[in-house]
Amino acid sequence: MGTEQLTEGWRVDERCTNCDVARQLAPGLIGEAEGRSVVLRQPRDQAEREALHSAAHACPTRSIRPPEGRLDPVLDPFPLALDAGVRLCGHNSPRTAGANSYLLARPDGSAMMVDTPRWSAALTARYQALGRVTDVLLTHRDHAAHGRRYADEFGARLWIHEGDLAAAPDADQVLRGTEPTEIATGVTAFPLPGHTEGSVLYLADERYCFSGDSFYWSRTTGDLEVADSVTWYSIRELAASLARTAPRLRFEWLLPGHGDRRQLPADKMAERLRSLAERTGQLRPRPIDFTGVRW
């Protein structure tokens, strides 16, 4: 159907930046054509309508438009539970290239925010209602927008790696070097330079892996992938990071900033991560190309 949009019903407007967020939340309903998202078909039942509302409330450019034109805040599902211990924040920010952000629940009833949604005082209150947010964990410089503001509103610590400190120079906690650091009980930061110099992966409870933009689950290949076409710092450094870190990681949930999420048994995920490290070691630098990402 090309980029032609339906004149009635759900549609995608011209502000779409092809960030993939809506396609993650409404697969089969929203697809890609000619470098932007398009509505493939109208919803057939309540579950599909809810999926489209999720996509609309997450879209960083508010390009997913319902038949009535205006989004109903009552139908906003975020923060959306993905598992007992983690929620998707939604409301992705155009200042983080539409990256996903998450709330990680802790056993004492508190929570940590991994990367940030768009800034909103109302959203802050909604997230705080689920538990006191003690830390805002930034995976890298591209996702640092709103970090200081959320941290201040929560009364939380703001974390970033020294390699990307210029993006959050007023961070409360600065990770250094390449060795893992336990930042709270059950939560470890693994520096993973490659996508950026200061990229970090956060591992929680040997269950959740917040990978930032270092790697993601691809719907196209049905496997773990690195976005080598948008690896800003060094693909060779990313390969070295994965080779060093993959044997130390055990998790079931992959929760990236961009690209799809995925749950697999820990042994299966470990096999795929080892394979990814090997494949990444064979890659060579190439020019930045946003169209080269295999979502």
C-alpha atoms as a PDB file:
ATOM      1  CA  MET A   1       0.000   0.000   0.000  1.00  0.00           C
ATOM      2  CA  GLY A   2       3.101   2.232  -0.006  1.00  0.00           C
ATOM      3  CA  THR A   3       2.853   5.231   2.307  1.00  0.00           C
ATOM      4  CA  GLU A   4      -0.748   5.946   1.434  1.00  0.00           C
ATOM      5  CA  GLN A   5      -2.792   6.042   4.618  1.00  0.00           C
ATOM      6  CA  LEU A   6      -6.413   5.214   5.205  1.00  0.00           C
ATOM      7  CA  THR A   7      -8.600   8.309   5.364  1.00  0.00           C
ATOM      8  CA  GLU A   8     -10.808   6.769   8.053  1.00  0.00           C
ATOM      9  CA  GLY A   9      -9.798   4.818  11.101  1.00  0.00           C
ATOM     10  CA  TRP A  10      -6.299   4.554  12.517  1.00  0.00           C
ATOM     11  CA  ARG A  11      -3.492   6.202  10.539  1.00  0.00           C
ATOM     12  CA  VAL A  12       0.137   7.343  10.781  1.00  0.00           C
ATOM     13  CA  ASP A  13       0.770  10.995  10.035  1.00  0.00           C
ATOM     14  CA  GLU A  14       3.709  12.615   8.263  1.00  0.00           C
ATOM     15  CA  ARG A  15       5.673  13.309  11.454  1.00  0.00           C
ATOM     16  CA  CYS A  16       6.743   9.645  11.703  1.00  0.00           C
ATOM     17  CA  THR A  17      10.530   9.228  12.049  1.00  0.00           C
ATOM     18  CA  ASN A  18      10.532   5.442  11.546  1.00  0.00           C
ATOM     19  CA  CYS A  19      11.739   4.760  15.092  1.00  0.00           C
ATOM     20  CA  ASP A  20      10.081   1.291  15.230  1.00  0.00           C
ATOM     21  CA  VAL A  21       8.345   1.857  18.594  1.00  0.00           C
ATOM     22  CA  ALA A  22       4.809   1.451  17.231  1.00  0.00           C
ATOM     23  CA  ARG A  23       5.750  -1.670  15.287  1.00  0.00           C
ATOM     24  CA  GLN A  24       7.054  -3.260  18.468  1.00  0.00           C
ATOM     25  CA  LEU A  25       3.764  -2.669  20.269  1.00  0.00           C
ATOM     26  CA  ALA A  26       1.333  -3.385  17.436  1.00  0.00           C
ATOM     27  CA  PRO A  27       2.984  -5.979  15.185  1.00  0.00           C
ATOM     28  CA  GLY A  28       0.773  -7.029  12.296  1.00  0.00           C
ATOM     29  CA  LEU A  29      -1.214  -3.807  12.611  1.00  0.00           C
ATOM     30  CA  ILE A  30       1.602  -1.339  11.983  1.00  0.00           C
ATOM     31  CA  GLY A  31       4.380  -2.098   9.514  1.00  0.00           C
ATOM     32  CA  GLU A  32       7.058  -0.282   7.549  1.00  0.00           C
ATOM     33  CA  ALA A  33       6.948   1.050   4.004  1.00  0.00           C
ATOM     34  CA  GLU A  34       9.265   3.507   2.260  1.00  0.00           C
ATOM     35  CA  GLY A  35      11.052   4.549   5.421  1.00  0.00           C
ATOM     36  CA  ARG A  36       8.131   5.148   7.766  1.00  0.00           C
ATOM     37  CA  SER A  37       5.479   3.287   9.706  1.00  0.00           C
ATOM     38  CA  VAL A  38       2.100   2.623   8.111  1.00  0.00           C
ATOM     39  CA  VAL A  39      -1.164   1.115   9.318  1.00  0.00           C
ATOM     40  CA  LEU A  40      -1.452  -2.293   7.671  1.00  0.00           C
ATOM     41  CA  ARG A  41      -5.071  -2.848   8.638  1.00  0.00           C
ATOM     42  CA  GLN A  42      -7.684  -1.660  11.110  1.00  0.00           C
ATOM     43  CA  PRO A  43      -8.189  -3.473  14.449  1.00  0.00           C
ATOM     44  CA  ARG A  44     -10.638  -6.363  14.535  1.00  0.00           C
ATOM     45  CA  ASP A  45     -11.130  -6.793  18.270  1.00  0.00           C
ATOM     46  CA  GLN A  46     -10.529  -5.170  21.642  1.00  0.00           C
ATOM     47  CA  ALA A  47      -7.035  -6.632  22.036  1.00  0.00           C
ATOM     48  CA  GLU A  48      -5.955  -5.104  18.732  1.00  0.00           C
ATOM     49  CA  ARG A  49      -7.481  -1.735  19.638  1.00  0.00           C
ATOM     50  CA  GLU A  50      -5.538  -1.825  22.909  1.00  0.00           C
ATOM     51  CA  ALA A  51      -2.333  -2.612  21.016  1.00  0.00           C
ATOM     52  CA  LEU A  52      -2.838   0.427  18.799  1.00  0.00           C
ATOM     53  CA  HIS A  53      -3.531   2.634  21.804  1.00  0.00           C
ATOM     54  CA  SER A  54      -0.273   1.386  23.349  1.00  0.00           C
ATOM     55  CA  ALA A  55       1.562   2.273  20.136  1.00  0.00           C
ATOM     56  CA  ALA A  56      -0.059   5.702  20.023  1.00  0.00           C
ATOM     57  CA  HIS A  57       0.803   6.590  23.622  1.00  0.00           C
ATOM     58  CA  ALA A  58       4.400   5.434  23.167  1.00  0.00           C
ATOM     59  CA  CYS A  59       5.067   7.107  19.800  1.00  0.00           C
ATOM     60  CA  PRO A  60       7.619   9.917  20.330  1.00  0.00           C
ATOM     61  CA  THR A  61       6.154  12.107  17.588  1.00  0.00           C
ATOM     62  CA  ARG A  62       2.516  11.288  18.406  1.00  0.00           C
ATOM     63  CA  SER A  63       2.146  10.149  14.801  1.00  0.00           C
ATOM     64  CA  ILE A  64      -0.198   7.200  15.484  1.00  0.00           C
ATOM     65  CA  ARG A  65      -3.637   8.761  15.205  1.00  0.00           C
ATOM     66  CA  PRO A  66      -6.929   7.122  16.295  1.00  0.00           C
ATOM     67  CA  PRO A  67     -10.181   7.510  14.302  1.00  0.00           C
ATOM     68  CA  GLU A  68     -11.408  10.259  16.619  1.00  0.00           C
ATOM     69  CA  GLY A  69      -8.184  12.198  16.116  1.00  0.00           C
ATOM     70  CA  ARG A  70      -7.364  12.837  19.773  1.00  0.00           C
ATOM     71  CA  LEU A  71      -5.818  10.294  22.142  1.00  0.00           C
ATOM     72  CA  ASP A  72      -7.909   9.409  25.185  1.00  0.00           C
ATOM     73  CA  PRO A  73      -5.709   9.510  28.335  1.00  0.00           C
ATOM     74  CA  VAL A  74      -8.011   6.950  29.945  1.00  0.00           C
ATOM     75  CA  LEU A  75      -6.756   4.424  27.378  1.00  0.00           C
ATOM     76  CA  ASP A  76      -3.067   5.068  28.165  1.00  0.00           C
ATOM     77  CA  PRO A  77      -1.693   1.693  29.384  1.00  0.00           C
ATOM     78  CA  PHE A  78       1.679   2.920  30.653  1.00  0.00           C
ATOM     79  CA  PRO A  79       3.670   2.013  32.605  1.00  0.00           C
ATOM     80  CA  LEU A  80       2.900  -1.378  31.077  1.00  0.00           C
ATOM     81  CA  ALA A  81       3.802  -4.556  32.970  1.00  0.00           C
ATOM     82  CA  LEU A  82       6.064  -6.831  30.912  1.00  0.00           C
ATOM     83  CA  ASP A  83       6.833  -9.187  33.786  1.00  0.00           C
ATOM     84  CA  ALA A  84       6.429  -9.206  37.562  1.00  0.00           C
ATOM     85  CA  GLY A  85       9.593  -7.156  37.991  1.00  0.00           C
ATOM     86  CA  VAL A  86       9.665  -4.745  35.078  1.00  0.00           C
ATOM     87  CA  ARG A  87       7.403  -2.233  33.361  1.00  0.00           C
ATOM     88  CA  LEU A  88       7.726  -0.408  30.065  1.00  0.00           C
ATOM     89  CA  CYS A  89       7.468   3.347  30.692  1.00  0.00           C
ATOM     90  CA  GLY A  90       6.028   4.249  27.269  1.00  0.00           C
ATOM     91  CA  HIS A  91       5.780   7.919  26.250  1.00  0.00           C
ATOM     92  CA  ASN A  92       9.074   7.679  24.361  1.00  0.00           C
ATOM     93  CA  SER A  93      10.932  10.932  23.924  1.00  0.00           C
ATOM     94  CA  PRO A  94      11.963  12.531  20.616  1.00  0.00           C
ATOM     95  CA  ARG A  95      15.060  13.717  22.488  1.00  0.00           C
ATOM     96  CA  THR A  96      16.257  10.109  22.929  1.00  0.00           C
ATOM     97  CA  ALA A  97      15.496   9.086  19.314  1.00  0.00           C
ATOM     98  CA  GLY A  98      12.361   7.420  20.622  1.00  0.00           C
ATOM     99  CA  ALA A  99      14.192   4.991  22.918  1.00  0.00           C
ATOM    100  CA  ASN A 100      12.332   2.682  25.270  1.00  0.00           C
ATOM    101  CA  SER A 101      12.707   3.140  29.010  1.00  0.00           C
ATOM    102  CA  TYR A 102      11.834   0.845  31.888  1.00  0.00           C
ATOM    103  CA  LEU A 103      10.974   0.675  35.574  1.00  0.00           C
ATOM    104  CA  LEU A 104      12.726  -2.112  37.469  1.00  0.00           C
ATOM    105  CA  ALA A 105      10.977  -3.162  40.685  1.00  0.00           C
ATOM    106  CA  ARG A 106      13.145  -4.003  43.692  1.00  0.00           C
ATOM    107  CA  PRO A 107      12.321  -6.394  46.552  1.00  0.00           C
ATOM    108  CA  ASP A 108      11.941  -3.591  49.107  1.00  0.00           C
ATOM    109  CA  GLY A 109       9.159  -1.950  47.086  1.00  0.00           C
ATOM    110  CA  SER A 110      11.378   0.698  45.502  1.00  0.00           C
ATOM    111  CA  ALA A 111      12.182   0.961  41.800  1.00  0.00           C
ATOM    112  CA  MET A 112      14.894   2.013  39.369  1.00  0.00           C
ATOM    113  CA  MET A 113      14.327   3.790  36.057  1.00  0.00           C
ATOM    114  CA  VAL A 114      16.476   2.645  33.131  1.00  0.00           C
ATOM    115  CA  ASP A 115      16.825   5.454  30.572  1.00  0.00           C
ATOM    116  CA  THR A 116      14.033   7.996  30.417  1.00  0.00           C
ATOM    117  CA  PRO A 117      10.664   8.653  28.793  1.00  0.00           C
ATOM    118  CA  ARG A 118       9.626  12.133  27.710  1.00  0.00           C
ATOM    119  CA  TRP A 119       9.539  14.572  30.614  1.00  0.00           C
ATOM    120  CA  SER A 120       6.179  15.132  32.272  1.00  0.00           C
ATOM    121  CA  ALA A 121       5.307  15.936  35.881  1.00  0.00           C
ATOM    122  CA  ALA A 122       2.149  13.856  35.502  1.00  0.00           C
ATOM    123  CA  LEU A 123       4.184  10.879  34.300  1.00  0.00           C
ATOM    124  CA  THR A 124       6.572  11.310  37.216  1.00  0.00           C
ATOM    125  CA  ALA A 125       3.684  11.017  39.655  1.00  0.00           C
ATOM    126  CA  ARG A 126       2.411   7.934  37.835  1.00  0.00           C
ATOM    127  CA  TYR A 127       5.793   6.207  38.030  1.00  0.00           C
ATOM    128  CA  GLN A 128       6.295   7.166  41.676  1.00  0.00           C
ATOM    129  CA  ALA A 129       2.926   5.675  42.567  1.00  0.00           C
ATOM    130  CA  LEU A 130       4.419   2.253  41.826  1.00  0.00           C
ATOM    131  CA  GLY A 131       7.245   2.700  44.334  1.00  0.00           C
ATOM    132  CA  ARG A 132       9.945   5.165  45.340  1.00  0.00           C
ATOM    133  CA  VAL A 133      12.414   5.532  42.460  1.00  0.00           C
ATOM    134  CA  THR A 134      15.917   5.468  43.957  1.00  0.00           C
ATOM    135  CA  ASP A 135      18.079   5.509  40.833  1.00  0.00           C
ATOM    136  CA  VAL A 136      17.980   6.609  37.204  1.00  0.00           C
ATOM    137  CA  LEU A 137      20.334   4.409  35.184  1.00  0.00           C
ATOM    138  CA  LEU A 138      21.507   5.818  31.857  1.00  0.00           C
ATOM    139  CA  THR A 139      22.772   3.274  29.338  1.00  0.00           C
ATOM    140  CA  HIS A 140      24.612   5.863  27.210  1.00  0.00           C
ATOM    141  CA  ARG A 141      24.735   9.450  25.977  1.00  0.00           C
ATOM    142  CA  ASP A 142      21.952   9.166  23.382  1.00  0.00           C
ATOM    143  CA  HIS A 143      19.440   8.377  26.127  1.00  0.00           C
ATOM    144  CA  ALA A 144      20.548  10.936  28.699  1.00  0.00           C
ATOM    145  CA  ALA A 145      17.853  13.543  27.966  1.00  0.00           C
ATOM    146  CA  HIS A 146      15.550  14.161  30.939  1.00  0.00           C
ATOM    147  CA  GLY A 147      17.794  12.080  33.236  1.00  0.00           C
ATOM    148  CA  ARG A 148      18.711  14.928  35.557  1.00  0.00           C
ATOM    149  CA  ARG A 149      15.144  16.206  35.693  1.00  0.00           C
ATOM    150  CA  TYR A 150      13.666  12.825  36.555  1.00  0.00           C
ATOM    151  CA  ALA A 151      16.394  12.153  39.112  1.00  0.00           C
ATOM    152  CA  ASP A 152      15.762  15.489  40.807  1.00  0.00           C
ATOM    153  CA  GLU A 153      12.004  14.963  40.861  1.00  0.00           C
ATOM    154  CA  PHE A 154      12.405  11.466  42.297  1.00  0.00           C
ATOM    155  CA  GLY A 155      15.189  12.429  44.701  1.00  0.00           C
ATOM    156  CA  ALA A 156      17.177   9.681  42.967  1.00  0.00           C
ATOM    157  CA  ARG A 157      20.790   9.096  42.016  1.00  0.00           C
ATOM    158  CA  LEU A 158      21.713   9.561  38.348  1.00  0.00           C
ATOM    159  CA  TRP A 159      24.196   7.080  36.846  1.00  0.00           C
ATOM    160  CA  ILE A 160      26.302   7.258  33.685  1.00  0.00           C
ATOM    161  CA  HIS A 161      29.688   5.974  32.518  1.00  0.00           C
ATOM    162  CA  GLU A 162      32.702   8.291  32.361  1.00  0.00           C
ATOM    163  CA  GLY A 163      32.963   7.701  28.608  1.00  0.00           C
ATOM    164  CA  ASP A 164      29.652   9.500  28.089  1.00  0.00           C
ATOM    165  CA  LEU A 165      29.880  11.886  31.033  1.00  0.00           C
ATOM    166  CA  ALA A 166      29.668  14.935  28.755  1.00  0.00           C
ATOM    167  CA  ALA A 167      25.999  14.037  28.171  1.00  0.00           C
ATOM    168  CA  ALA A 168      25.240  14.113  31.921  1.00  0.00           C
ATOM    169  CA  PRO A 169      28.077  16.060  33.579  1.00  0.00           C
ATOM    170  CA  ASP A 170      26.066  16.493  36.782  1.00  0.00           C
ATOM    171  CA  ALA A 171      25.523  12.747  37.309  1.00  0.00           C
ATOM    172  CA  ASP A 172      25.673  11.658  40.944  1.00  0.00           C
ATOM    173  CA  GLN A 173      27.373   8.327  40.213  1.00  0.00           C
ATOM    174  CA  VAL A 174      30.007   7.838  37.498  1.00  0.00           C
ATOM    175  CA  LEU A 175      30.941   4.338  36.375  1.00  0.00           C
ATOM    176  CA  ARG A 176      34.562   3.901  35.321  1.00  0.00           C
ATOM    177  CA  GLY A 177      36.653   1.435  33.378  1.00  0.00           C
ATOM    178  CA  THR A 178      35.399  -1.806  31.851  1.00  0.00           C
ATOM    179  CA  GLU A 179      34.919  -4.049  34.889  1.00  0.00           C
ATOM    180  CA  PRO A 180      31.391  -4.710  36.230  1.00  0.00           C
ATOM    181  CA  THR A 181      30.161  -2.777  39.257  1.00  0.00           C
ATOM    182  CA  GLU A 182      27.399  -3.906  41.623  1.00  0.00           C
ATOM    183  CA  ILE A 183      25.373  -0.729  42.085  1.00  0.00           C
ATOM    184  CA  ALA A 184      22.670  -2.235  44.315  1.00  0.00           C
ATOM    185  CA  THR A 185      21.775  -5.665  45.615  1.00  0.00           C
ATOM    186  CA  GLY A 186      21.052  -7.801  42.565  1.00  0.00           C
ATOM    187  CA  VAL A 187      21.863  -5.036  40.054  1.00  0.00           C
ATOM    188  CA  THR A 188      25.199  -4.883  38.227  1.00  0.00           C
ATOM    189  CA  ALA A 189      26.458  -2.393  35.643  1.00  0.00           C
ATOM    190  CA  PHE A 190      28.628  -3.852  32.854  1.00  0.00           C
ATOM    191  CA  PRO A 191      30.487  -1.208  30.813  1.00  0.00           C
ATOM    192  CA  LEU A 192      30.102  -2.132  27.147  1.00  0.00           C
ATOM    193  CA  PRO A 193      31.928   0.432  24.989  1.00  0.00           C
ATOM    194  CA  GLY A 194      31.094   0.181  21.324  1.00  0.00           C
ATOM    195  CA  HIS A 195      27.818   1.862  20.369  1.00  0.00           C
ATOM    196  CA  THR A 196      29.224   4.823  22.291  1.00  0.00           C
ATOM    197  CA  GLU A 197      32.379   5.073  24.347  1.00  0.00           C
ATOM    198  CA  GLY A 198      30.376   5.015  27.587  1.00  0.00           C
ATOM    199  CA  SER A 199      27.678   2.466  26.773  1.00  0.00           C
ATOM    200  CA  VAL A 200      26.561   0.369  29.760  1.00  0.00           C
ATOM    201  CA  LEU A 201      24.476  -2.773  30.147  1.00  0.00           C
ATOM    202  CA  TYR A 202      22.540  -3.253  33.392  1.00  0.00           C
ATOM    203  CA  LEU A 203      21.849  -6.784  34.635  1.00  0.00           C
ATOM    204  CA  ALA A 204      19.226  -7.356  37.337  1.00  0.00           C
ATOM    205  CA  ASP A 205      18.519 -10.509  39.340  1.00  0.00           C
ATOM    206  CA  GLU A 206      20.008 -12.778  36.645  1.00  0.00           C
ATOM    207  CA  ARG A 207      16.683 -12.238  34.887  1.00  0.00           C
ATOM    208  CA  TYR A 208      16.609  -8.816  33.218  1.00  0.00           C
ATOM    209  CA  CYS A 209      19.187  -7.386  30.814  1.00  0.00           C
ATOM    210  CA  PHE A 210      18.845  -3.696  29.921  1.00  0.00           C
ATOM    211  CA  SER A 211      21.127  -3.494  26.902  1.00  0.00           C
ATOM    212  CA  GLY A 212      20.659   0.113  25.804  1.00  0.00           C
ATOM    213  CA  ASP A 213      21.642   0.264  22.134  1.00  0.00           C
ATOM    214  CA  SER A 214      24.388  -2.356  22.376  1.00  0.00           C
ATOM    215  CA  PHE A 215      22.227  -5.227  21.091  1.00  0.00           C
ATOM    216  CA  TYR A 216      18.559  -6.091  20.604  1.00  0.00           C
ATOM    217  CA  TRP A 217      16.153  -8.764  19.351  1.00  0.00           C
ATOM    218  CA  SER A 218      15.511  -8.505  15.613  1.00  0.00           C
ATOM    219  CA  ARG A 219      12.114  -9.448  14.182  1.00  0.00           C
ATOM    220  CA  THR A 220      13.766  -9.703  10.772  1.00  0.00           C
ATOM    221  CA  THR A 221      16.402 -12.287  11.695  1.00  0.00           C
ATOM    222  CA  GLY A 222      14.703 -13.843  14.716  1.00  0.00           C
ATOM    223  CA  ASP A 223      17.898 -13.483  16.737  1.00  0.00           C
ATOM    224  CA  LEU A 224      20.061 -11.160  18.802  1.00  0.00           C
ATOM    225  CA  GLU A 225      21.710  -8.473  16.683  1.00  0.00           C
ATOM    226  CA  VAL A 226      23.942  -5.431  17.000  1.00  0.00           C
ATOM    227  CA  ALA A 227      23.033  -2.265  15.111  1.00  0.00           C
ATOM    228  CA  ASP A 228      26.431  -2.057  13.444  1.00  0.00           C
ATOM    229  CA  SER A 229      25.206   0.535  10.939  1.00  0.00           C
ATOM    230  CA  VAL A 230      24.656   2.988  13.819  1.00  0.00           C
ATOM    231  CA  THR A 231      27.598   2.048  16.043  1.00  0.00           C
ATOM    232  CA  TRP A 232      28.976   5.525  16.647  1.00  0.00           C
ATOM    233  CA  TYR A 233      32.157   4.758  18.599  1.00  0.00           C
ATOM    234  CA  SER A 234      33.671   1.479  17.335  1.00  0.00           C
ATOM    235  CA  ILE A 235      32.342  -1.840  16.107  1.00  0.00           C
ATOM    236  CA  ARG A 236      35.675  -3.407  17.029  1.00  0.00           C
ATOM    237  CA  GLU A 237      35.309  -2.111  20.593  1.00  0.00           C
ATOM    238  CA  LEU A 238      31.774  -3.487  20.702  1.00  0.00           C
ATOM    239  CA  ALA A 239      33.057  -6.888  19.562  1.00  0.00           C
ATOM    240  CA  ALA A 240      35.700  -6.818  22.294  1.00  0.00           C
ATOM    241  CA  SER A 241      33.105  -5.767  24.870  1.00  0.00           C
ATOM    242  CA  LEU A 242      30.776  -8.627  23.940  1.00  0.00           C
ATOM    243  CA  ALA A 243      33.622 -11.166  23.926  1.00  0.00           C
ATOM    244  CA  ARG A 244      34.631 -10.021  27.422  1.00  0.00           C
ATOM    245  CA  THR A 245      31.137  -9.712  28.860  1.00  0.00           C
ATOM    246  CA  ALA A 246      28.983 -12.432  27.266  1.00  0.00           C
ATOM    247  CA  PRO A 247      30.384 -15.277  29.404  1.00  0.00           C
ATOM    248  CA  ARG A 248      29.516 -13.307  32.561  1.00  0.00           C
ATOM    249  CA  LEU A 249      25.866 -12.691  31.702  1.00  0.00           C
ATOM    250  CA  ARG A 250      22.871 -14.827  32.596  1.00  0.00           C
ATOM    251  CA  PHE A 251      19.372 -13.512  31.969  1.00  0.00           C
ATOM    252  CA  GLU A 252      15.972 -14.355  30.519  1.00  0.00           C
ATOM    253  CA  TRP A 253      14.614 -10.976  29.428  1.00  0.00           C
ATOM    254  CA  LEU A 254      16.374  -8.775  26.867  1.00  0.00           C
ATOM    255  CA  LEU A 255      15.137  -5.194  27.275  1.00  0.00           C
ATOM    256  CA  PRO A 256      16.863  -2.867  24.781  1.00  0.00           C
ATOM    257  CA  GLY A 257      16.513   0.838  24.131  1.00  0.00           C
ATOM    258  CA  HIS A 258      15.782   0.262  20.445  1.00  0.00           C
ATOM    259  CA  GLY A 259      14.625  -2.928  18.783  1.00  0.00           C
ATOM    260  CA  ASP A 260      12.397  -5.670  20.102  1.00  0.00           C
ATOM    261  CA  ARG A 261      12.270  -7.169  23.564  1.00  0.00           C
ATOM    262  CA  ARG A 262      12.472 -10.930  24.027  1.00  0.00           C
ATOM    263  CA  GLN A 263      12.163 -13.554  26.769  1.00  0.00           C
ATOM    264  CA  LEU A 264      13.942 -16.898  26.423  1.00  0.00           C
ATOM    265  CA  PRO A 265      15.179 -19.515  28.899  1.00  0.00           C
ATOM    266  CA  ALA A 266      18.510 -18.364  30.314  1.00  0.00           C
ATOM    267  CA  ASP A 267      20.472 -21.193  28.680  1.00  0.00           C
ATOM    268  CA  LYS A 268      18.998 -20.414  25.265  1.00  0.00           C
ATOM    269  CA  MET A 269      19.692 -16.708  25.685  1.00  0.00           C
ATOM    270  CA  ALA A 270      23.292 -17.466  26.683  1.00  0.00           C
ATOM    271  CA  GLU A 271      23.782 -19.554  23.530  1.00  0.00           C
ATOM    272  CA  ARG A 272      22.481 -16.757  21.345  1.00  0.00           C
ATOM    273  CA  LEU A 273      24.622 -14.181  23.134  1.00  0.00           C
ATOM    274  CA  ARG A 274      27.769 -16.258  22.581  1.00  0.00           C
ATOM    275  CA  SER A 275      26.866 -16.544  18.907  1.00  0.00           C
ATOM    276  CA  LEU A 276      26.283 -12.793  18.710  1.00  0.00           C
ATOM    277  CA  ALA A 277      29.722 -12.125  20.199  1.00  0.00           C
ATOM    278  CA  GLU A 278      31.321 -14.377  17.586  1.00  0.00           C
ATOM    279  CA  ARG A 279      29.403 -12.785  14.708  1.00  0.00           C
ATOM    280  CA  THR A 280      30.163  -9.273  15.901  1.00  0.00           C
ATOM    281  CA  GLY A 281      33.869 -10.125  15.927  1.00  0.00           C
ATOM    282  CA  GLN A 282      33.648 -10.669  12.167  1.00  0.00           C
ATOM    283  CA  LEU A 283      32.119  -7.251  11.433  1.00  0.00           C
ATOM    284  CA  ARG A 284      34.103  -4.322  10.106  1.00  0.00           C
ATOM    285  CA  PRO A 285      33.472  -0.580  10.405  1.00  0.00           C
ATOM    286  CA  ARG A 286      31.055   0.946   7.909  1.00  0.00           C
ATOM    287  CA  PRO A 287      29.456   4.368   7.412  1.00  0.00           C
ATOM    288  CA  ILE A 288      26.543   5.330   9.613  1.00  0.00           C
ATOM    289  CA  ASP A 289      23.308   4.281   7.905  1.00  0.00           C
ATOM    290  CA  PHE A 290      20.001   4.381   9.770  1.00  0.00           C
ATOM    291  CA  THR A 291      18.294   2.426   6.990  1.00  0.00           C
ATOM    292  CA  GLY A 292      20.684  -0.471   7.545  1.00  0.00           C
ATOM    293  CA  VAL A 293      19.179  -1.571  10.865  1.00  0.00           C
ATOM    294  CA  ARG A 294      17.388  -4.907  10.577  1.00  0.00           C
ATOM    295  CA  TRP A 295      14.518  -4.380  12.999  1.00  0.00           C
END
